[in-house]
Amino acid sequence: MARQVIYIFKGQTKTIPFSYDIHHDLYEAAAEAEGIDLKKFLSMEKQIALTSKKGAKAEKEFRKSEFARFGFTSIKFVREDDEV
């Protein structure tokens, strides 16, 4: 079974195919599906990674807050027990 990402964007639940050959992670796949340009976001995320003493935790918090600002409330991989 191919991987799929299920996400909620502005109140609508959507499912898309996912491949690591095309996207770095499921967040980038969901953003691309919605036509969101991540250039500034990725630049800022890189700066946080280089300067933060908290490391991965700071990156994760930044990603979560920015994607909420974009309109995403949930982004995850589809599991076999999830309804599509």
PDB file of N, CA and C in Angstrom:
ATOM      1  N   MET A   1       0.829  -1.177   0.000  1.00  0.00           N
ATOM      2  CA  MET A   1       0.000   0.000   0.000  1.00  0.00           C
ATOM      3  C   MET A   1       0.881   1.251   0.000  1.00  0.00           C
ATOM      4  N   ALA A   2       0.567   2.196  -0.853  1.00  0.00           N
ATOM      5  CA  ALA A   2       1.312   3.440  -0.927  1.00  0.00           C
ATOM      6  C   ALA A   2       0.990   4.308   0.285  1.00  0.00           C
ATOM      7  N   ARG A   3       1.938   5.153   0.653  1.00  0.00           N
ATOM      8  CA  ARG A   3       1.694   6.066   1.775  1.00  0.00           C
ATOM      9  C   ARG A   3       0.733   7.159   1.363  1.00  0.00           C
ATOM     10  N   GLN A   4      -0.056   7.576   2.325  1.00  0.00           N
ATOM     11  CA  GLN A   4      -0.973   8.683   2.121  1.00  0.00           C
ATOM     12  C   GLN A   4      -0.913   9.600   3.330  1.00  0.00           C
ATOM     13  N   VAL A   5      -1.195  10.864   3.082  1.00  0.00           N
ATOM     14  CA  VAL A   5      -1.249  11.865   4.145  1.00  0.00           C
ATOM     15  C   VAL A   5      -2.692  12.344   4.246  1.00  0.00           C
ATOM     16  N   ILE A   6      -3.187  12.413   5.466  1.00  0.00           N
ATOM     17  CA  ILE A   6      -4.515  12.961   5.700  1.00  0.00           C
ATOM     18  C   ILE A   6      -4.318  14.238   6.509  1.00  0.00           C
ATOM     19  N   TYR A   7      -5.005  15.301   6.099  1.00  0.00           N
ATOM     20  CA  TYR A   7      -4.862  16.570   6.800  1.00  0.00           C
ATOM     21  C   TYR A   7      -6.171  17.343   6.782  1.00  0.00           C
ATOM     22  N   ILE A   8      -6.272  18.274   7.712  1.00  0.00           N
ATOM     23  CA  ILE A   8      -7.438  19.157   7.771  1.00  0.00           C
ATOM     24  C   ILE A   8      -6.937  20.561   7.474  1.00  0.00           C
ATOM     25  N   PHE A   9      -7.472  21.143   6.411  1.00  0.00           N
ATOM     26  CA  PHE A   9      -7.084  22.486   5.994  1.00  0.00           C
ATOM     27  C   PHE A   9      -8.330  23.355   5.933  1.00  0.00           C
ATOM     28  N   LYS A  10      -8.360  24.361   6.788  1.00  0.00           N
ATOM     29  CA  LYS A  10      -9.494  25.288   6.876  1.00  0.00           C
ATOM     30  C   LYS A  10     -10.825  24.547   6.994  1.00  0.00           C
ATOM     31  N   GLY A  11     -10.828  23.512   7.853  1.00  0.00           N
ATOM     32  CA  GLY A  11     -12.055  22.781   8.147  1.00  0.00           C
ATOM     33  C   GLY A  11     -12.379  21.635   7.210  1.00  0.00           C
ATOM     34  N   GLN A  12     -11.628  21.461   6.125  1.00  0.00           N
ATOM     35  CA  GLN A  12     -11.890  20.376   5.178  1.00  0.00           C
ATOM     36  C   GLN A  12     -10.834  19.289   5.319  1.00  0.00           C
ATOM     37  N   THR A  13     -11.286  18.047   5.448  1.00  0.00           N
ATOM     38  CA  THR A  13     -10.380  16.912   5.528  1.00  0.00           C
ATOM     39  C   THR A  13     -10.037  16.459   4.113  1.00  0.00           C
ATOM     40  N   LYS A  14      -8.724  16.283   3.874  1.00  0.00           N
ATOM     41  CA  LYS A  14      -8.260  15.877   2.547  1.00  0.00           C
ATOM     42  C   LYS A  14      -7.214  14.786   2.691  1.00  0.00           C
ATOM     43  N   THR A  15      -7.112  13.929   1.683  1.00  0.00           N
ATOM     44  CA  THR A  15      -6.128  12.859   1.645  1.00  0.00           C
ATOM     45  C   THR A  15      -5.351  12.962   0.348  1.00  0.00           C
ATOM     46  N   ILE A  16      -4.019  12.862   0.443  1.00  0.00           N
ATOM     47  CA  ILE A  16      -3.162  12.943  -0.738  1.00  0.00           C
ATOM     48  C   ILE A  16      -2.129  11.820  -0.701  1.00  0.00           C
ATOM     49  N   PRO A  17      -1.617  11.409  -1.874  1.00  0.00           N
ATOM     50  CA  PRO A  17      -0.532  10.428  -1.895  1.00  0.00           C
ATOM     51  C   PRO A  17       0.764  11.077  -1.428  1.00  0.00           C
ATOM     52  N   PHE A  18       1.668  10.277  -0.884  1.00  0.00           N
ATOM     53  CA  PHE A  18       2.935  10.793  -0.377  1.00  0.00           C
ATOM     54  C   PHE A  18       4.084   9.889  -0.781  1.00  0.00           C
ATOM     55  N   SER A  19       5.208  10.517  -1.167  1.00  0.00           N
ATOM     56  CA  SER A  19       6.432   9.784  -1.479  1.00  0.00           C
ATOM     57  C   SER A  19       7.631  10.595  -1.011  1.00  0.00           C
ATOM     58  N   TYR A  20       8.578   9.937  -0.338  1.00  0.00           N
ATOM     59  CA  TYR A  20       9.794  10.618   0.085  1.00  0.00           C
ATOM     60  C   TYR A  20      10.663  10.991  -1.115  1.00  0.00           C
ATOM     61  N   ASP A  21      10.428  10.396  -2.270  1.00  0.00           N
ATOM     62  CA  ASP A  21      11.159  10.767  -3.480  1.00  0.00           C
ATOM     63  C   ASP A  21      10.798  12.178  -3.936  1.00  0.00           C
ATOM     64  N   ILE A  22       9.598  12.619  -3.592  1.00  0.00           N
ATOM     65  CA  ILE A  22       9.098  13.917  -4.052  1.00  0.00           C
ATOM     66  C   ILE A  22       9.179  14.979  -2.951  1.00  0.00           C
ATOM     67  N   HIS A  23       8.831  14.618  -1.716  1.00  0.00           N
ATOM     68  CA  HIS A  23       8.767  15.578  -0.618  1.00  0.00           C
ATOM     69  C   HIS A  23       9.681  15.188   0.530  1.00  0.00           C
ATOM     70  N   HIS A  24      10.153  16.194   1.237  1.00  0.00           N
ATOM     71  CA  HIS A  24      11.012  15.979   2.394  1.00  0.00           C
ATOM     72  C   HIS A  24      10.222  15.410   3.573  1.00  0.00           C
ATOM     73  N   ASP A  25       8.988  15.911   3.761  1.00  0.00           N
ATOM     74  CA  ASP A  25       8.139  15.409   4.842  1.00  0.00           C
ATOM     75  C   ASP A  25       6.669  15.646   4.516  1.00  0.00           C
ATOM     76  N   LEU A  26       5.794  15.148   5.366  1.00  0.00           N
ATOM     77  CA  LEU A  26       4.363  15.250   5.104  1.00  0.00           C
ATOM     78  C   LEU A  26       3.848  16.682   5.154  1.00  0.00           C
ATOM     79  N   TYR A  27       4.508  17.555   5.916  1.00  0.00           N
ATOM     80  CA  TYR A  27       4.100  18.959   5.967  1.00  0.00           C
ATOM     81  C   TYR A  27       4.313  19.642   4.612  1.00  0.00           C
ATOM     82  N   GLU A  28       5.448  19.385   3.996  1.00  0.00           N
ATOM     83  CA  GLU A  28       5.721  19.974   2.686  1.00  0.00           C
ATOM     84  C   GLU A  28       4.749  19.449   1.629  1.00  0.00           C
ATOM     85  N   ALA A  29       4.383  18.185   1.727  1.00  0.00           N
ATOM     86  CA  ALA A  29       3.424  17.611   0.773  1.00  0.00           C
ATOM     87  C   ALA A  29       2.058  18.272   0.909  1.00  0.00           C
ATOM     88  N   ALA A  30       1.599  18.461   2.140  1.00  0.00           N
ATOM     89  CA  ALA A  30       0.296  19.090   2.368  1.00  0.00           C
ATOM     90  C   ALA A  30       0.306  20.547   1.909  1.00  0.00           C
ATOM     91  N   ALA A  31       1.385  21.257   2.185  1.00  0.00           N
ATOM     92  CA  ALA A  31       1.486  22.657   1.768  1.00  0.00           C
ATOM     93  C   ALA A  31       1.475  22.770   0.248  1.00  0.00           C
ATOM     94  N   GLU A  32       2.200  21.887  -0.428  1.00  0.00           N
ATOM     95  CA  GLU A  32       2.206  21.908  -1.895  1.00  0.00           C
ATOM     96  C   GLU A  32       0.819  21.623  -2.452  1.00  0.00           C
ATOM     97  N   ALA A  33       0.118  20.674  -1.854  1.00  0.00           N
ATOM     98  CA  ALA A  33      -1.232  20.333  -2.317  1.00  0.00           C
ATOM     99  C   ALA A  33      -2.180  21.528  -2.210  1.00  0.00           C
ATOM    100  N   GLU A  34      -1.934  22.402  -1.250  1.00  0.00           N
ATOM    101  CA  GLU A  34      -2.786  23.580  -1.059  1.00  0.00           C
ATOM    102  C   GLU A  34      -2.220  24.828  -1.731  1.00  0.00           C
ATOM    103  N   GLY A  35      -1.090  24.688  -2.422  1.00  0.00           N
ATOM    104  CA  GLY A  35      -0.514  25.814  -3.152  1.00  0.00           C
ATOM    105  C   GLY A  35       0.173  26.843  -2.270  1.00  0.00           C
ATOM    106  N   ILE A  36       0.688  26.417  -1.139  1.00  0.00           N
ATOM    107  CA  ILE A  36       1.360  27.324  -0.208  1.00  0.00           C
ATOM    108  C   ILE A  36       2.856  27.312  -0.498  1.00  0.00           C
ATOM    109  N   ASP A  37       3.428  28.498  -0.711  1.00  0.00           N
ATOM    110  CA  ASP A  37       4.862  28.650  -0.961  1.00  0.00           C
ATOM    111  C   ASP A  37       5.599  28.619   0.380  1.00  0.00           C
ATOM    112  N   LEU A  38       6.522  27.686   0.529  1.00  0.00           N
ATOM    113  CA  LEU A  38       7.227  27.518   1.799  1.00  0.00           C
ATOM    114  C   LEU A  38       8.637  28.097   1.803  1.00  0.00           C
ATOM    115  N   LYS A  39       9.021  28.879   0.814  1.00  0.00           N
ATOM    116  CA  LYS A  39      10.401  29.394   0.746  1.00  0.00           C
ATOM    117  C   LYS A  39      10.776  30.184   1.995  1.00  0.00           C
ATOM    118  N   LYS A  40       9.960  31.149   2.394  1.00  0.00           N
ATOM    119  CA  LYS A  40      10.260  31.952   3.581  1.00  0.00           C
ATOM    120  C   LYS A  40      10.209  31.103   4.841  1.00  0.00           C
ATOM    121  N   PHE A  41       9.231  30.210   4.913  1.00  0.00           N
ATOM    122  CA  PHE A  41       9.094  29.328   6.068  1.00  0.00           C
ATOM    123  C   PHE A  41      10.344  28.455   6.234  1.00  0.00           C
ATOM    124  N   LEU A  42      10.807  27.832   5.142  1.00  0.00           N
ATOM    125  CA  LEU A  42      11.970  26.952   5.214  1.00  0.00           C
ATOM    126  C   LEU A  42      13.233  27.722   5.581  1.00  0.00           C
ATOM    127  N   SER A  43      13.343  28.951   5.096  1.00  0.00           N
ATOM    128  CA  SER A  43      14.483  29.796   5.438  1.00  0.00           C
ATOM    129  C   SER A  43      14.493  30.100   6.939  1.00  0.00           C
ATOM    130  N   MET A  44      13.355  30.465   7.467  1.00  0.00           N
ATOM    131  CA  MET A  44      13.256  30.776   8.894  1.00  0.00           C
ATOM    132  C   MET A  44      13.485  29.524   9.742  1.00  0.00           C
ATOM    133  N   GLU A  45      12.955  28.398   9.297  1.00  0.00           N
ATOM    134  CA  GLU A  45      13.145  27.145  10.027  1.00  0.00           C
ATOM    135  C   GLU A  45      14.635  26.789  10.100  1.00  0.00           C
ATOM    136  N   LYS A  46      15.335  27.017   9.011  1.00  0.00           N
ATOM    137  CA  LYS A  46      16.782  26.744   8.981  1.00  0.00           C
ATOM    138  C   LYS A  46      17.515  27.661   9.958  1.00  0.00           C
ATOM    139  N   GLN A  47      17.126  28.934  10.006  1.00  0.00           N
ATOM    140  CA  GLN A  47      17.744  29.876  10.941  1.00  0.00           C
ATOM    141  C   GLN A  47      17.490  29.452  12.387  1.00  0.00           C
ATOM    142  N   ILE A  48      16.290  28.983  12.672  1.00  0.00           N
ATOM    143  CA  ILE A  48      15.966  28.518  14.021  1.00  0.00           C
ATOM    144  C   ILE A  48      16.828  27.311  14.377  1.00  0.00           C
ATOM    145  N   ALA A  49      17.007  26.416  13.433  1.00  0.00           N
ATOM    146  CA  ALA A  49      17.818  25.218  13.675  1.00  0.00           C
ATOM    147  C   ALA A  49      19.274  25.592  13.973  1.00  0.00           C
ATOM    148  N   LEU A  50      19.773  26.609  13.301  1.00  0.00           N
ATOM    149  CA  LEU A  50      21.169  27.003  13.481  1.00  0.00           C
ATOM    150  C   LEU A  50      21.404  27.805  14.758  1.00  0.00           C
ATOM    151  N   THR A  51      20.391  28.532  15.223  1.00  0.00           N
ATOM    152  CA  THR A  51      20.601  29.435  16.354  1.00  0.00           C
ATOM    153  C   THR A  51      19.968  28.992  17.666  1.00  0.00           C
ATOM    154  N   SER A  52      19.036  28.064  17.633  1.00  0.00           N
ATOM    155  CA  SER A  52      18.313  27.694  18.845  1.00  0.00           C
ATOM    156  C   SER A  52      19.102  26.727  19.713  1.00  0.00           C
ATOM    157  N   LYS A  53      19.064  26.983  21.005  1.00  0.00           N
ATOM    158  CA  LYS A  53      19.691  26.077  21.960  1.00  0.00           C
ATOM    159  C   LYS A  53      18.801  24.871  22.232  1.00  0.00           C
ATOM    160  N   LYS A  54      17.504  25.019  21.939  1.00  0.00           N
ATOM    161  CA  LYS A  54      16.562  23.919  22.156  1.00  0.00           C
ATOM    162  C   LYS A  54      16.598  22.904  21.025  1.00  0.00           C
ATOM    163  N   GLY A  55      17.225  23.240  19.893  1.00  0.00           N
ATOM    164  CA  GLY A  55      17.382  22.313  18.783  1.00  0.00           C
ATOM    165  C   GLY A  55      16.076  21.896  18.129  1.00  0.00           C
ATOM    166  N   ALA A  56      15.859  20.593  18.048  1.00  0.00           N
ATOM    167  CA  ALA A  56      14.708  20.041  17.332  1.00  0.00           C
ATOM    168  C   ALA A  56      13.381  20.468  17.957  1.00  0.00           C
ATOM    169  N   LYS A  57      13.357  20.685  19.243  1.00  0.00           N
ATOM    170  CA  LYS A  57      12.119  21.098  19.903  1.00  0.00           C
ATOM    171  C   LYS A  57      11.667  22.472  19.398  1.00  0.00           C
ATOM    172  N   ALA A  58      12.599  23.388  19.239  1.00  0.00           N
ATOM    173  CA  ALA A  58      12.266  24.727  18.747  1.00  0.00           C
ATOM    174  C   ALA A  58      11.768  24.660  17.309  1.00  0.00           C
ATOM    175  N   GLU A  59      12.400  23.830  16.500  1.00  0.00           N
ATOM    176  CA  GLU A  59      11.963  23.661  15.110  1.00  0.00           C
ATOM    177  C   GLU A  59      10.545  23.101  15.058  1.00  0.00           C
ATOM    178  N   LYS A  60      10.284  22.091  15.873  1.00  0.00           N
ATOM    179  CA  LYS A  60       8.969  21.454  15.896  1.00  0.00           C
ATOM    180  C   LYS A  60       7.883  22.442  16.332  1.00  0.00           C
ATOM    181  N   GLU A  61       8.168  23.242  17.356  1.00  0.00           N
ATOM    182  CA  GLU A  61       7.210  24.237  17.828  1.00  0.00           C
ATOM    183  C   GLU A  61       6.948  25.295  16.746  1.00  0.00           C
ATOM    184  N   PHE A  62       8.012  25.737  16.066  1.00  0.00           N
ATOM    185  CA  PHE A  62       7.858  26.723  15.001  1.00  0.00           C
ATOM    186  C   PHE A  62       7.010  26.157  13.867  1.00  0.00           C
ATOM    187  N   ARG A  63       7.309  24.932  13.461  1.00  0.00           N
ATOM    188  CA  ARG A  63       6.565  24.291  12.372  1.00  0.00           C
ATOM    189  C   ARG A  63       5.082  24.167  12.739  1.00  0.00           C
ATOM    190  N   LYS A  64       4.818  23.708  13.948  1.00  0.00           N
ATOM    191  CA  LYS A  64       3.431  23.525  14.386  1.00  0.00           C
ATOM    192  C   LYS A  64       2.671  24.853  14.387  1.00  0.00           C
ATOM    193  N   SER A  65       3.278  25.901  14.920  1.00  0.00           N
ATOM    194  CA  SER A  65       2.591  27.196  14.984  1.00  0.00           C
ATOM    195  C   SER A  65       2.407  27.814  13.601  1.00  0.00           C
ATOM    196  N   GLU A  66       3.393  27.692  12.734  1.00  0.00           N
ATOM    197  CA  GLU A  66       3.274  28.273  11.390  1.00  0.00           C
ATOM    198  C   GLU A  66       2.233  27.544  10.549  1.00  0.00           C
ATOM    199  N   PHE A  67       2.185  26.220  10.635  1.00  0.00           N
ATOM    200  CA  PHE A  67       1.195  25.482   9.858  1.00  0.00           C
ATOM    201  C   PHE A  67      -0.213  25.738  10.384  1.00  0.00           C
ATOM    202  N   ALA A  68      -0.349  25.988  11.681  1.00  0.00           N
ATOM    203  CA  ALA A  68      -1.652  26.389  12.225  1.00  0.00           C
ATOM    204  C   ALA A  68      -2.042  27.755  11.657  1.00  0.00           C
ATOM    205  N   ARG A  69      -1.070  28.647  11.531  1.00  0.00           N
ATOM    206  CA  ARG A  69      -1.325  29.972  10.958  1.00  0.00           C
ATOM    207  C   ARG A  69      -1.728  29.864   9.487  1.00  0.00           C
ATOM    208  N   PHE A  70      -1.153  28.901   8.770  1.00  0.00           N
ATOM    209  CA  PHE A  70      -1.509  28.682   7.361  1.00  0.00           C
ATOM    210  C   PHE A  70      -2.937  28.156   7.211  1.00  0.00           C
ATOM    211  N   GLY A  71      -3.477  27.509   8.266  1.00  0.00           N
ATOM    212  CA  GLY A  71      -4.836  26.977   8.206  1.00  0.00           C
ATOM    213  C   GLY A  71      -4.934  25.478   8.424  1.00  0.00           C
ATOM    214  N   PHE A  72      -3.830  24.814   8.729  1.00  0.00           N
ATOM    215  CA  PHE A  72      -3.828  23.374   8.977  1.00  0.00           C
ATOM    216  C   PHE A  72      -4.085  23.111  10.453  1.00  0.00           C
ATOM    217  N   THR A  73      -5.000  22.184  10.747  1.00  0.00           N
ATOM    218  CA  THR A  73      -5.238  21.817  12.144  1.00  0.00           C
ATOM    219  C   THR A  73      -4.725  20.423  12.458  1.00  0.00           C
ATOM    220  N   SER A  74      -4.482  19.619  11.441  1.00  0.00           N
ATOM    221  CA  SER A  74      -3.973  18.264  11.650  1.00  0.00           C
ATOM    222  C   SER A  74      -3.297  17.795  10.373  1.00  0.00           C
ATOM    223  N   ILE A  75      -2.116  17.188  10.516  1.00  0.00           N
ATOM    224  CA  ILE A  75      -1.419  16.585   9.379  1.00  0.00           C
ATOM    225  C   ILE A  75      -0.791  15.302   9.899  1.00  0.00           C
ATOM    226  N   LYS A  76      -1.144  14.172   9.271  1.00  0.00           N
ATOM    227  CA  LYS A  76      -0.576  12.897   9.708  1.00  0.00           C
ATOM    228  C   LYS A  76      -0.633  11.886   8.579  1.00  0.00           C
ATOM    229  N   PHE A  77       0.141  10.815   8.744  1.00  0.00           N
ATOM    230  CA  PHE A  77       0.086   9.713   7.791  1.00  0.00           C
ATOM    231  C   PHE A  77      -1.187   8.908   8.026  1.00  0.00           C
ATOM    232  N   VAL A  78      -1.765   8.381   6.962  1.00  0.00           N
ATOM    233  CA  VAL A  78      -2.937   7.517   7.070  1.00  0.00           C
ATOM    234  C   VAL A  78      -2.458   6.152   7.563  1.00  0.00           C
ATOM    235  N   ARG A  79      -3.150   5.660   8.569  1.00  0.00           N
ATOM    236  CA  ARG A  79      -2.865   4.311   9.057  1.00  0.00           C
ATOM    237  C   ARG A  79      -3.952   3.393   8.519  1.00  0.00           C
ATOM    238  N   GLU A  80      -3.712   2.120   8.545  1.00  0.00           N
ATOM    239  CA  GLU A  80      -4.677   1.170   8.026  1.00  0.00           C
ATOM    240  C   GLU A  80      -6.017   1.238   8.759  1.00  0.00           C
ATOM    241  N   ASP A  81      -5.990   1.588  10.053  1.00  0.00           N
ATOM    242  CA  ASP A  81      -7.232   1.665  10.819  1.00  0.00           C
ATOM    243  C   ASP A  81      -7.925   3.014  10.700  1.00  0.00           C
ATOM    244  N   ASP A  82      -7.327   3.993  10.012  1.00  0.00           N
ATOM    245  CA  ASP A  82      -7.961   5.291   9.764  1.00  0.00           C
ATOM    246  C   ASP A  82      -8.960   5.151   8.610  1.00  0.00           C
ATOM    247  N   GLU A  83     -10.047   5.867   8.723  1.00  0.00           N
ATOM    248  CA  GLU A  83     -11.000   5.899   7.621  1.00  0.00           C
ATOM    249  C   GLU A  83     -10.600   6.994   6.656  1.00  0.00           C
ATOM    250  N   VAL A  84     -10.616   6.690   5.391  1.00  0.00           N
ATOM    251  CA  VAL A  84     -10.230   7.675   4.372  1.00  0.00           C
ATOM    252  C   VAL A  84     -11.452   8.248   3.739  1.00  0.00           C
TER     253      VAL A  84
END
